[in-house]
């Protein structure tokens, strides 16, 4: 599956957050840029490193007028535990049926320890205030993801 085309409107979505409240992409249109990052599973080593670095750079994202939304196939009930355990300061969204991951082209075949399976492919999308897709990042290390995203935001904004 291919990623949405840069310059087009980002695919619309409405998902439940860690509080069970519906969050929609349109909620941010005209107000803030959106950093939409898809991660495979809460409380796993790589996802924790990535989330904690975003947490630690909340001020840098705010200075760039950018809200962070993390999306995973985790159940809503699992998200508050991840937030509490890591003291996360941004919104996590549940995409249990991976319908939104499909729309964004980041659900596909993965390989891990010689095994192939369908799963979420770690991918980040930067969406402008106008709702258009500005950048797709799919080649990064979890440890430096935040630096890559901040550099992209500085370049784009």
N, C-alpha and C. Protein backbone atom coordinates (compact mmCIF):
# COMPACT_ATOMS: atom_id res chain seq x y z
N UNK A 1 0.84 -1.19 0.00
CA UNK A 1 0.00 0.00 0.00
C UNK A 1 0.88 1.25 0.00
N UNK A 2 0.49 2.25 -0.71
CA UNK A 2 1.29 3.48 -0.83
C UNK A 2 0.84 4.53 0.18
N UNK A 3 1.77 5.39 0.53
CA UNK A 3 1.46 6.52 1.41
C UNK A 3 0.59 7.52 0.65
N UNK A 4 -0.19 8.33 1.36
CA UNK A 4 -0.92 9.41 0.69
C UNK A 4 0.09 10.36 0.04
N UNK A 5 -0.35 11.05 -0.98
CA UNK A 5 0.54 11.93 -1.75
C UNK A 5 0.76 13.26 -1.01
N UNK A 6 2.03 13.65 -0.94
CA UNK A 6 2.38 14.93 -0.33
C UNK A 6 1.72 16.05 -1.13
N UNK A 7 1.14 17.00 -0.42
CA UNK A 7 0.43 18.11 -1.04
C UNK A 7 -1.07 17.91 -1.06
N UNK A 8 -1.51 16.64 -1.00
CA UNK A 8 -2.95 16.35 -0.95
C UNK A 8 -3.46 16.52 0.47
N UNK A 9 -4.76 16.58 0.61
CA UNK A 9 -5.36 16.60 1.94
C UNK A 9 -5.03 15.28 2.63
N UNK A 10 -4.64 15.36 3.88
CA UNK A 10 -4.36 14.14 4.65
C UNK A 10 -5.67 13.37 4.83
N UNK A 11 -5.62 12.05 4.79
CA UNK A 11 -6.84 11.27 4.99
C UNK A 11 -7.50 11.61 6.34
N UNK A 12 -8.79 11.84 6.29
CA UNK A 12 -9.55 12.18 7.50
C UNK A 12 -9.63 10.96 8.41
N UNK A 13 -9.74 11.22 9.71
CA UNK A 13 -9.94 10.15 10.66
C UNK A 13 -10.59 10.68 11.93
N UNK A 14 -11.21 9.77 12.64
CA UNK A 14 -11.72 9.98 13.99
C UNK A 14 -11.42 8.71 14.76
N UNK A 15 -10.65 8.86 15.84
CA UNK A 15 -10.26 7.72 16.67
C UNK A 15 -10.47 8.07 18.13
N UNK A 16 -10.55 7.03 18.97
CA UNK A 16 -10.66 7.26 20.41
C UNK A 16 -9.28 7.44 21.02
N UNK A 17 -9.18 8.41 21.94
CA UNK A 17 -7.92 8.65 22.63
C UNK A 17 -7.86 7.84 23.92
N UNK A 18 -6.83 8.10 24.72
CA UNK A 18 -6.60 7.36 25.97
C UNK A 18 -7.73 7.54 26.99
N UNK A 19 -8.59 8.55 26.80
CA UNK A 19 -9.72 8.79 27.70
C UNK A 19 -11.04 8.25 27.11
N UNK A 20 -10.95 7.63 25.93
CA UNK A 20 -12.16 7.14 25.26
C UNK A 20 -12.93 8.23 24.54
N UNK A 21 -12.29 9.40 24.36
CA UNK A 21 -12.93 10.52 23.66
C UNK A 21 -12.51 10.52 22.19
N UNK A 22 -13.46 10.90 21.34
CA UNK A 22 -13.19 10.92 19.90
C UNK A 22 -12.34 12.13 19.53
N UNK A 23 -11.26 11.88 18.81
CA UNK A 23 -10.38 12.92 18.30
C UNK A 23 -10.38 12.79 16.78
N UNK A 24 -10.60 13.91 16.09
CA UNK A 24 -10.63 13.90 14.62
C UNK A 24 -9.54 14.83 14.09
N UNK A 25 -9.01 14.49 12.94
CA UNK A 25 -8.01 15.34 12.31
C UNK A 25 -8.57 16.74 12.08
N UNK A 26 -9.83 16.83 11.70
CA UNK A 26 -10.44 18.14 11.41
C UNK A 26 -10.46 19.06 12.63
N UNK A 27 -10.32 18.50 13.84
CA UNK A 27 -10.30 19.31 15.06
C UNK A 27 -9.14 20.31 15.07
N UNK A 28 -8.09 20.02 14.31
CA UNK A 28 -6.87 20.83 14.33
C UNK A 28 -6.73 21.75 13.12
N UNK A 29 -7.59 21.56 12.12
CA UNK A 29 -7.48 22.34 10.88
C UNK A 29 -7.63 23.82 11.17
N UNK A 30 -6.70 24.59 10.65
CA UNK A 30 -6.71 26.04 10.83
C UNK A 30 -6.13 26.48 12.17
N UNK A 31 -5.78 25.53 13.01
CA UNK A 31 -5.30 25.86 14.36
C UNK A 31 -3.85 25.47 14.59
N UNK A 32 -3.51 24.21 14.29
CA UNK A 32 -2.17 23.69 14.57
C UNK A 32 -1.73 22.74 13.47
N UNK A 33 -0.41 22.60 13.33
CA UNK A 33 0.15 21.54 12.53
C UNK A 33 -0.03 20.25 13.33
N UNK A 34 -0.03 19.12 12.65
CA UNK A 34 -0.19 17.84 13.31
C UNK A 34 0.97 16.92 12.97
N UNK A 35 1.60 16.40 14.01
CA UNK A 35 2.59 15.34 13.86
C UNK A 35 1.85 14.05 14.19
N UNK A 36 1.55 13.26 13.17
CA UNK A 36 0.82 12.01 13.31
C UNK A 36 1.82 10.89 13.17
N UNK A 37 2.09 10.21 14.29
CA UNK A 37 3.08 9.14 14.19
C UNK A 37 2.46 7.81 14.59
N UNK A 38 2.71 6.82 13.74
CA UNK A 38 2.20 5.47 13.93
C UNK A 38 3.31 4.62 14.55
N UNK A 39 2.98 3.95 15.66
CA UNK A 39 3.95 3.09 16.33
C UNK A 39 3.30 1.72 16.55
N UNK A 40 4.09 0.64 16.53
CA UNK A 40 3.52 -0.70 16.56
C UNK A 40 2.82 -1.12 17.86
N UNK A 41 3.41 -0.84 19.04
CA UNK A 41 2.80 -1.36 20.26
C UNK A 41 3.30 -0.61 21.48
N UNK A 42 2.36 -0.16 22.29
CA UNK A 42 2.70 0.54 23.53
C UNK A 42 3.53 -0.35 24.45
N UNK A 43 4.43 0.30 25.18
CA UNK A 43 5.24 -0.34 26.22
C UNK A 43 6.25 -1.35 25.69
N UNK A 44 6.59 -1.27 24.43
CA UNK A 44 7.68 -2.08 23.89
C UNK A 44 8.91 -1.18 23.84
N UNK A 45 10.11 -1.75 23.81
CA UNK A 45 11.33 -0.93 23.93
C UNK A 45 11.44 0.21 22.91
N UNK A 46 11.31 -0.09 21.62
CA UNK A 46 11.47 0.95 20.60
C UNK A 46 10.40 2.03 20.68
N UNK A 47 9.18 1.61 20.93
CA UNK A 47 8.06 2.56 21.02
C UNK A 47 8.20 3.44 22.26
N UNK A 48 8.74 2.88 23.34
CA UNK A 48 8.95 3.65 24.56
C UNK A 48 10.03 4.70 24.35
N UNK A 49 11.13 4.32 23.72
CA UNK A 49 12.21 5.28 23.43
C UNK A 49 11.68 6.43 22.58
N UNK A 50 10.94 6.09 21.55
CA UNK A 50 10.38 7.09 20.64
C UNK A 50 9.41 8.02 21.38
N UNK A 51 8.50 7.47 22.17
CA UNK A 51 7.51 8.27 22.89
C UNK A 51 8.15 9.16 23.94
N UNK A 52 9.14 8.65 24.66
CA UNK A 52 9.79 9.45 25.71
C UNK A 52 10.58 10.62 25.11
N UNK A 53 11.16 10.43 23.96
CA UNK A 53 11.87 11.54 23.30
C UNK A 53 10.89 12.61 22.85
N UNK A 54 9.73 12.21 22.38
CA UNK A 54 8.69 13.19 22.01
C UNK A 54 8.23 13.92 23.27
N UNK A 55 8.00 13.17 24.34
CA UNK A 55 7.61 13.77 25.63
C UNK A 55 8.61 14.84 26.07
N UNK A 56 9.88 14.50 25.98
CA UNK A 56 10.94 15.40 26.45
C UNK A 56 11.11 16.63 25.57
N UNK A 57 10.52 16.61 24.38
CA UNK A 57 10.62 17.74 23.45
C UNK A 57 9.29 18.43 23.22
N UNK A 58 8.37 18.29 24.15
CA UNK A 58 7.03 18.89 24.01
C UNK A 58 7.13 20.39 23.74
N UNK A 59 8.01 21.08 24.44
CA UNK A 59 8.15 22.53 24.28
C UNK A 59 8.60 22.87 22.85
N UNK A 60 9.53 22.08 22.31
CA UNK A 60 10.02 22.32 20.95
C UNK A 60 8.89 22.14 19.93
N UNK A 61 8.02 21.16 20.14
CA UNK A 61 6.88 20.98 19.23
C UNK A 61 5.90 22.14 19.38
N UNK A 62 5.67 22.55 20.62
CA UNK A 62 4.74 23.67 20.88
C UNK A 62 5.26 24.95 20.23
N UNK A 63 6.56 25.17 20.26
CA UNK A 63 7.16 26.36 19.63
C UNK A 63 6.94 26.36 18.12
N UNK A 64 6.74 25.19 17.56
CA UNK A 64 6.48 25.05 16.12
C UNK A 64 4.99 24.91 15.85
N UNK A 65 4.18 25.21 16.85
CA UNK A 65 2.72 25.18 16.74
C UNK A 65 2.24 23.82 16.21
N UNK A 66 2.81 22.75 16.80
CA UNK A 66 2.54 21.40 16.33
C UNK A 66 2.05 20.53 17.46
N UNK A 67 0.90 19.89 17.25
CA UNK A 67 0.35 18.94 18.21
C UNK A 67 0.80 17.54 17.79
N UNK A 68 1.08 16.69 18.78
CA UNK A 68 1.54 15.33 18.52
C UNK A 68 0.41 14.35 18.82
N UNK A 69 0.17 13.46 17.86
CA UNK A 69 -0.81 12.38 18.02
C UNK A 69 -0.12 11.06 17.69
N UNK A 70 -0.04 10.18 18.67
CA UNK A 70 0.53 8.86 18.45
C UNK A 70 -0.57 7.86 18.19
N UNK A 71 -0.43 7.03 17.17
CA UNK A 71 -1.47 6.06 16.79
C UNK A 71 -0.88 4.65 16.80
N UNK A 72 -1.61 3.74 17.43
CA UNK A 72 -1.19 2.33 17.43
C UNK A 72 -2.42 1.44 17.37
N UNK A 73 -2.23 0.16 17.08
CA UNK A 73 -3.36 -0.77 17.09
C UNK A 73 -3.72 -1.24 18.50
N UNK A 74 -3.14 -0.62 19.53
CA UNK A 74 -3.46 -0.98 20.91
C UNK A 74 -4.90 -0.63 21.24
N UNK A 75 -5.50 -1.39 22.14
CA UNK A 75 -6.84 -1.10 22.64
C UNK A 75 -6.80 0.19 23.47
N UNK A 76 -7.89 0.91 23.50
CA UNK A 76 -7.99 2.15 24.27
C UNK A 76 -7.55 1.92 25.72
N UNK A 77 -7.93 0.78 26.28
CA UNK A 77 -7.62 0.48 27.69
C UNK A 77 -6.13 0.41 27.97
N UNK A 78 -5.33 0.09 26.98
CA UNK A 78 -3.88 -0.05 27.16
C UNK A 78 -3.17 1.32 27.17
N UNK A 79 -3.75 2.30 26.50
CA UNK A 79 -3.10 3.60 26.32
C UNK A 79 -2.86 4.35 27.63
N UNK A 80 -3.82 4.42 28.57
CA UNK A 80 -3.55 5.15 29.81
C UNK A 80 -2.39 4.56 30.61
N UNK A 81 -2.22 3.24 30.53
CA UNK A 81 -1.10 2.60 31.25
C UNK A 81 0.24 3.05 30.68
N UNK A 82 0.31 3.13 29.36
CA UNK A 82 1.54 3.59 28.69
C UNK A 82 1.82 5.04 29.08
N UNK A 83 0.80 5.86 29.06
CA UNK A 83 0.95 7.28 29.41
C UNK A 83 1.40 7.42 30.86
N UNK A 84 0.77 6.70 31.77
CA UNK A 84 1.12 6.80 33.19
C UNK A 84 2.52 6.27 33.46
N UNK A 85 2.84 5.14 32.88
CA UNK A 85 4.15 4.51 33.13
C UNK A 85 5.30 5.39 32.64
N UNK A 86 5.10 6.08 31.49
CA UNK A 86 6.18 6.88 30.91
C UNK A 86 5.96 8.38 31.09
N UNK A 87 4.93 8.76 31.80
CA UNK A 87 4.61 10.18 32.05
C UNK A 87 4.51 10.95 30.72
N UNK A 88 3.80 10.37 29.77
CA UNK A 88 3.67 10.99 28.45
C UNK A 88 2.74 12.19 28.53
N UNK A 89 3.05 13.20 27.71
CA UNK A 89 2.31 14.48 27.75
C UNK A 89 1.69 14.82 26.41
N UNK A 90 1.28 13.81 25.67
CA UNK A 90 0.62 14.03 24.38
C UNK A 90 -0.43 12.94 24.19
N UNK A 91 -1.26 13.11 23.19
CA UNK A 91 -2.40 12.25 22.95
C UNK A 91 -2.01 10.97 22.21
N UNK A 92 -2.54 9.86 22.69
CA UNK A 92 -2.41 8.57 22.02
C UNK A 92 -3.78 8.15 21.51
N UNK A 93 -3.81 7.57 20.33
CA UNK A 93 -5.06 7.16 19.69
C UNK A 93 -5.04 5.66 19.40
N UNK A 94 -6.20 5.04 19.53
CA UNK A 94 -6.34 3.61 19.29
C UNK A 94 -6.92 3.35 17.89
N UNK A 95 -6.19 2.55 17.13
CA UNK A 95 -6.61 2.15 15.78
C UNK A 95 -6.62 0.62 15.72
N UNK A 96 -7.44 0.02 16.59
CA UNK A 96 -7.43 -1.44 16.77
C UNK A 96 -7.63 -2.23 15.47
N UNK A 97 -8.51 -1.74 14.61
CA UNK A 97 -8.77 -2.47 13.37
C UNK A 97 -7.83 -2.03 12.24
N UNK A 98 -6.87 -1.20 12.57
CA UNK A 98 -5.86 -0.63 11.65
C UNK A 98 -6.43 -0.01 10.40
N UNK A 99 -7.68 0.48 10.46
CA UNK A 99 -8.31 1.13 9.30
C UNK A 99 -7.59 2.42 8.93
N UNK A 100 -7.16 3.19 9.91
CA UNK A 100 -6.47 4.45 9.63
C UNK A 100 -5.05 4.16 9.16
N UNK A 101 -4.40 3.18 9.76
CA UNK A 101 -3.07 2.78 9.29
C UNK A 101 -3.14 2.35 7.83
N UNK A 102 -4.21 1.65 7.46
CA UNK A 102 -4.41 1.26 6.06
C UNK A 102 -4.54 2.50 5.18
N UNK A 103 -5.37 3.47 5.62
CA UNK A 103 -5.57 4.71 4.85
C UNK A 103 -4.25 5.45 4.62
N UNK A 104 -3.38 5.40 5.61
CA UNK A 104 -2.10 6.10 5.54
C UNK A 104 -0.98 5.26 4.95
N UNK A 105 -1.29 4.03 4.58
CA UNK A 105 -0.32 3.17 3.90
C UNK A 105 0.77 2.63 4.81
N UNK A 106 0.50 2.53 6.11
CA UNK A 106 1.55 2.04 7.00
C UNK A 106 1.15 0.75 7.72
N UNK A 107 0.28 -0.02 7.10
CA UNK A 107 -0.02 -1.37 7.57
C UNK A 107 0.42 -2.30 6.45
N UNK A 108 1.32 -3.22 6.76
CA UNK A 108 1.82 -4.08 5.70
C UNK A 108 2.67 -5.21 6.23
N UNK A 109 3.36 -5.86 5.32
CA UNK A 109 4.19 -7.01 5.66
C UNK A 109 5.45 -6.54 6.38
N UNK A 110 5.73 -7.19 7.51
CA UNK A 110 6.93 -6.89 8.30
C UNK A 110 7.72 -8.17 8.49
N UNK A 111 9.01 -8.00 8.78
CA UNK A 111 9.87 -9.14 9.10
C UNK A 111 10.50 -8.88 10.46
N UNK A 112 10.47 -9.91 11.30
CA UNK A 112 11.09 -9.81 12.61
C UNK A 112 11.59 -11.19 13.01
N UNK A 113 12.87 -11.29 13.26
CA UNK A 113 13.51 -12.54 13.68
C UNK A 113 13.17 -13.69 12.72
N UNK A 114 13.26 -13.39 11.42
CA UNK A 114 13.04 -14.41 10.40
C UNK A 114 11.59 -14.75 10.13
N UNK A 115 10.68 -14.06 10.80
CA UNK A 115 9.26 -14.31 10.64
C UNK A 115 8.61 -13.17 9.87
N UNK A 116 7.70 -13.49 8.97
CA UNK A 116 6.96 -12.46 8.24
C UNK A 116 5.53 -12.42 8.74
N UNK A 117 5.00 -11.20 8.90
CA UNK A 117 3.64 -11.04 9.38
C UNK A 117 3.14 -9.66 9.01
N UNK A 118 1.82 -9.50 9.03
CA UNK A 118 1.22 -8.19 8.77
C UNK A 118 1.25 -7.39 10.07
N UNK A 119 1.61 -6.11 9.95
CA UNK A 119 1.66 -5.27 11.14
C UNK A 119 1.83 -3.82 10.78
N UNK A 120 1.91 -3.01 11.82
CA UNK A 120 2.05 -1.57 11.64
C UNK A 120 3.51 -1.22 11.35
N UNK A 121 3.73 -0.48 10.30
CA UNK A 121 5.07 -0.05 9.90
C UNK A 121 5.27 1.36 10.46
N UNK A 122 6.28 1.50 11.31
CA UNK A 122 6.55 2.76 12.00
C UNK A 122 6.73 3.88 10.98
N UNK A 123 5.80 4.84 10.99
CA UNK A 123 5.79 5.91 9.99
C UNK A 123 5.27 7.19 10.64
N UNK A 124 5.79 8.33 10.20
CA UNK A 124 5.37 9.62 10.73
C UNK A 124 4.92 10.53 9.59
N UNK A 125 3.83 11.27 9.83
CA UNK A 125 3.28 12.19 8.85
C UNK A 125 3.21 13.58 9.47
N UNK A 126 3.66 14.57 8.73
CA UNK A 126 3.53 15.96 9.15
C UNK A 126 2.44 16.58 8.31
N UNK A 127 1.42 17.09 9.00
CA UNK A 127 0.24 17.65 8.35
C UNK A 127 0.15 19.12 8.70
N UNK A 128 0.03 19.98 7.70
CA UNK A 128 -0.04 21.42 7.91
C UNK A 128 -1.37 21.87 8.49
N UNK A 129 -1.40 23.11 8.92
CA UNK A 129 -2.63 23.69 9.49
C UNK A 129 -3.79 23.64 8.51
N UNK A 130 -3.46 23.63 7.22
CA UNK A 130 -4.51 23.59 6.19
C UNK A 130 -5.01 22.18 5.92
N UNK A 131 -4.46 21.19 6.64
CA UNK A 131 -4.90 19.81 6.47
C UNK A 131 -4.17 19.04 5.39
N UNK A 132 -3.21 19.69 4.73
CA UNK A 132 -2.46 19.02 3.66
C UNK A 132 -1.24 18.30 4.21
N UNK A 133 -0.94 17.17 3.59
CA UNK A 133 0.22 16.38 3.98
C UNK A 133 1.49 17.07 3.49
N UNK A 134 2.40 17.36 4.44
CA UNK A 134 3.63 18.08 4.10
C UNK A 134 4.84 17.17 3.97
N UNK A 135 4.87 16.09 4.75
CA UNK A 135 6.06 15.22 4.74
C UNK A 135 5.70 13.85 5.30
N UNK A 136 6.37 12.82 4.78
CA UNK A 136 6.27 11.46 5.29
C UNK A 136 7.68 11.03 5.69
N UNK A 137 7.83 10.55 6.90
CA UNK A 137 9.10 10.02 7.38
C UNK A 137 8.91 8.55 7.69
N UNK A 138 9.65 7.70 6.99
CA UNK A 138 9.53 6.27 7.25
C UNK A 138 10.88 5.58 7.41
N UNK A 139 11.94 6.34 7.34
CA UNK A 139 13.28 5.79 7.53
C UNK A 139 13.96 6.61 8.63
N UNK A 140 13.90 6.12 9.84
CA UNK A 140 14.51 6.82 10.97
C UNK A 140 14.76 5.82 12.08
N UNK A 141 15.58 6.22 13.03
CA UNK A 141 15.84 5.43 14.22
C UNK A 141 14.93 5.97 15.33
N UNK A 142 14.43 5.09 16.17
CA UNK A 142 13.54 5.54 17.24
C UNK A 142 14.24 6.52 18.18
N UNK A 143 15.54 6.35 18.38
CA UNK A 143 16.29 7.23 19.29
C UNK A 143 16.40 8.66 18.77
N UNK A 144 16.40 8.83 17.45
CA UNK A 144 16.59 10.17 16.88
C UNK A 144 15.35 10.66 16.13
N UNK A 145 14.25 9.96 16.24
CA UNK A 145 13.02 10.31 15.55
C UNK A 145 12.63 11.76 15.81
N UNK A 146 12.65 12.17 17.08
CA UNK A 146 12.26 13.53 17.45
C UNK A 146 13.13 14.58 16.77
N UNK A 147 14.44 14.32 16.67
CA UNK A 147 15.35 15.25 16.00
C UNK A 147 15.03 15.34 14.51
N UNK A 148 14.76 14.20 13.90
CA UNK A 148 14.41 14.17 12.47
C UNK A 148 13.13 14.96 12.20
N UNK A 149 12.14 14.77 13.07
CA UNK A 149 10.86 15.45 12.91
C UNK A 149 11.01 16.96 13.13
N UNK A 150 11.73 17.35 14.17
CA UNK A 150 11.94 18.78 14.42
C UNK A 150 12.69 19.44 13.27
N UNK A 151 13.68 18.75 12.72
CA UNK A 151 14.41 19.30 11.57
C UNK A 151 13.47 19.45 10.37
N UNK A 152 12.62 18.47 10.15
CA UNK A 152 11.65 18.55 9.03
C UNK A 152 10.67 19.71 9.26
N UNK A 153 10.20 19.86 10.48
CA UNK A 153 9.30 20.99 10.78
C UNK A 153 9.98 22.32 10.52
N UNK A 154 11.24 22.44 10.94
CA UNK A 154 11.97 23.70 10.71
C UNK A 154 12.13 23.98 9.22
N UNK A 155 12.34 22.95 8.44
CA UNK A 155 12.48 23.09 7.00
C UNK A 155 11.17 23.49 6.34
N UNK A 156 10.06 22.92 6.82
CA UNK A 156 8.76 23.11 6.19
C UNK A 156 8.04 24.39 6.62
N UNK A 157 8.24 24.81 7.86
CA UNK A 157 7.44 25.90 8.39
C UNK A 157 8.15 27.25 8.35
